[in-house]
Amino acid sequence: MRVNCNEKAMRFWALQYGPYIEVLEPESLRNQIKESIAGMSKKYSDG
């Protein structure tokens, strides 16, 4: 699907539905999502 929206809003939407979707573009948004996921993973890792 293609949408035109605020990038920040799209980032939070994508994080909410992360297991079910993949953001293809823009690359900057993909990178922001990767950073958020890495931060969450680090926070919840056992050590």
C-alpha atoms as a PDB file:
ATOM      1  CA  MET A   1       0.000   0.000   0.000  1.00  0.00           C
ATOM      2  CA  ARG A   2       1.209   3.538  -0.580  1.00  0.00           C
ATOM      3  CA  VAL A   3       0.337   6.410   1.764  1.00  0.00           C
ATOM      4  CA  ASN A   4       1.247  10.069   2.087  1.00  0.00           C
ATOM      5  CA  CYS A   5       1.529  11.088   5.729  1.00  0.00           C
ATOM      6  CA  ASN A   6       3.695  12.579   8.422  1.00  0.00           C
ATOM      7  CA  GLU A   7       6.885  10.485   8.752  1.00  0.00           C
ATOM      8  CA  LYS A   8       6.803  10.559  12.551  1.00  0.00           C
ATOM      9  CA  ALA A   9       3.211   9.298  12.615  1.00  0.00           C
ATOM     10  CA  MET A  10       4.100   6.572  10.127  1.00  0.00           C
ATOM     11  CA  ARG A  11       7.020   5.491  12.308  1.00  0.00           C
ATOM     12  CA  PHE A  12       4.784   4.946  15.331  1.00  0.00           C
ATOM     13  CA  TRP A  13       2.151   3.184  13.198  1.00  0.00           C
ATOM     14  CA  ALA A  14       4.831   0.887  11.747  1.00  0.00           C
ATOM     15  CA  LEU A  15       6.191   0.057  15.206  1.00  0.00           C
ATOM     16  CA  GLN A  16       2.674  -0.772  16.374  1.00  0.00           C
ATOM     17  CA  TYR A  17       2.090  -3.164  13.468  1.00  0.00           C
ATOM     18  CA  GLY A  18       5.719  -4.256  13.037  1.00  0.00           C
ATOM     19  CA  PRO A  19       5.106  -8.015  13.016  1.00  0.00           C
ATOM     20  CA  TYR A  20       2.617  -7.626  10.151  1.00  0.00           C
ATOM     21  CA  ILE A  21       4.077  -4.952   7.863  1.00  0.00           C
ATOM     22  CA  GLU A  22       7.342  -3.817   6.282  1.00  0.00           C
ATOM     23  CA  VAL A  23       8.134  -0.208   5.412  1.00  0.00           C
ATOM     24  CA  LEU A  24       9.934  -0.153   2.069  1.00  0.00           C
ATOM     25  CA  GLU A  25      10.435   3.589   1.605  1.00  0.00           C
ATOM     26  CA  PRO A  26      11.746   6.067   2.471  1.00  0.00           C
ATOM     27  CA  GLU A  27      15.093   4.640   3.556  1.00  0.00           C
ATOM     28  CA  SER A  28      15.308   7.224   6.358  1.00  0.00           C
ATOM     29  CA  LEU A  29      12.118   5.848   7.901  1.00  0.00           C
ATOM     30  CA  ARG A  30      13.381   2.263   7.584  1.00  0.00           C
ATOM     31  CA  ASN A  31      16.532   3.321   9.445  1.00  0.00           C
ATOM     32  CA  GLN A  32      14.539   5.022  12.214  1.00  0.00           C
ATOM     33  CA  ILE A  33      12.474   1.872  12.678  1.00  0.00           C
ATOM     34  CA  LYS A  34      15.618  -0.292  12.772  1.00  0.00           C
ATOM     35  CA  GLU A  35      17.089   1.960  15.478  1.00  0.00           C
ATOM     36  CA  SER A  36      13.892   1.812  17.537  1.00  0.00           C
ATOM     37  CA  ILE A  37      13.734  -1.971  17.288  1.00  0.00           C
ATOM     38  CA  ALA A  38      17.406  -2.331  18.247  1.00  0.00           C
ATOM     39  CA  GLY A  39      16.851  -0.091  21.268  1.00  0.00           C
ATOM     40  CA  MET A  40      13.835  -2.111  22.387  1.00  0.00           C
ATOM     41  CA  SER A  41      15.696  -5.377  21.909  1.00  0.00           C
ATOM     42  CA  LYS A  42      18.593  -4.122  24.015  1.00  0.00           C
ATOM     43  CA  LYS A  43      16.216  -2.960  26.732  1.00  0.00           C
ATOM     44  CA  TYR A  44      14.497  -6.343  26.956  1.00  0.00           C
ATOM     45  CA  SER A  45      17.505  -8.628  26.514  1.00  0.00           C
ATOM     46  CA  ASP A  46      18.587 -10.776  29.438  1.00  0.00           C
ATOM     47  CA  GLY A  47      22.121  -9.597  29.517  1.00  0.00           C
END
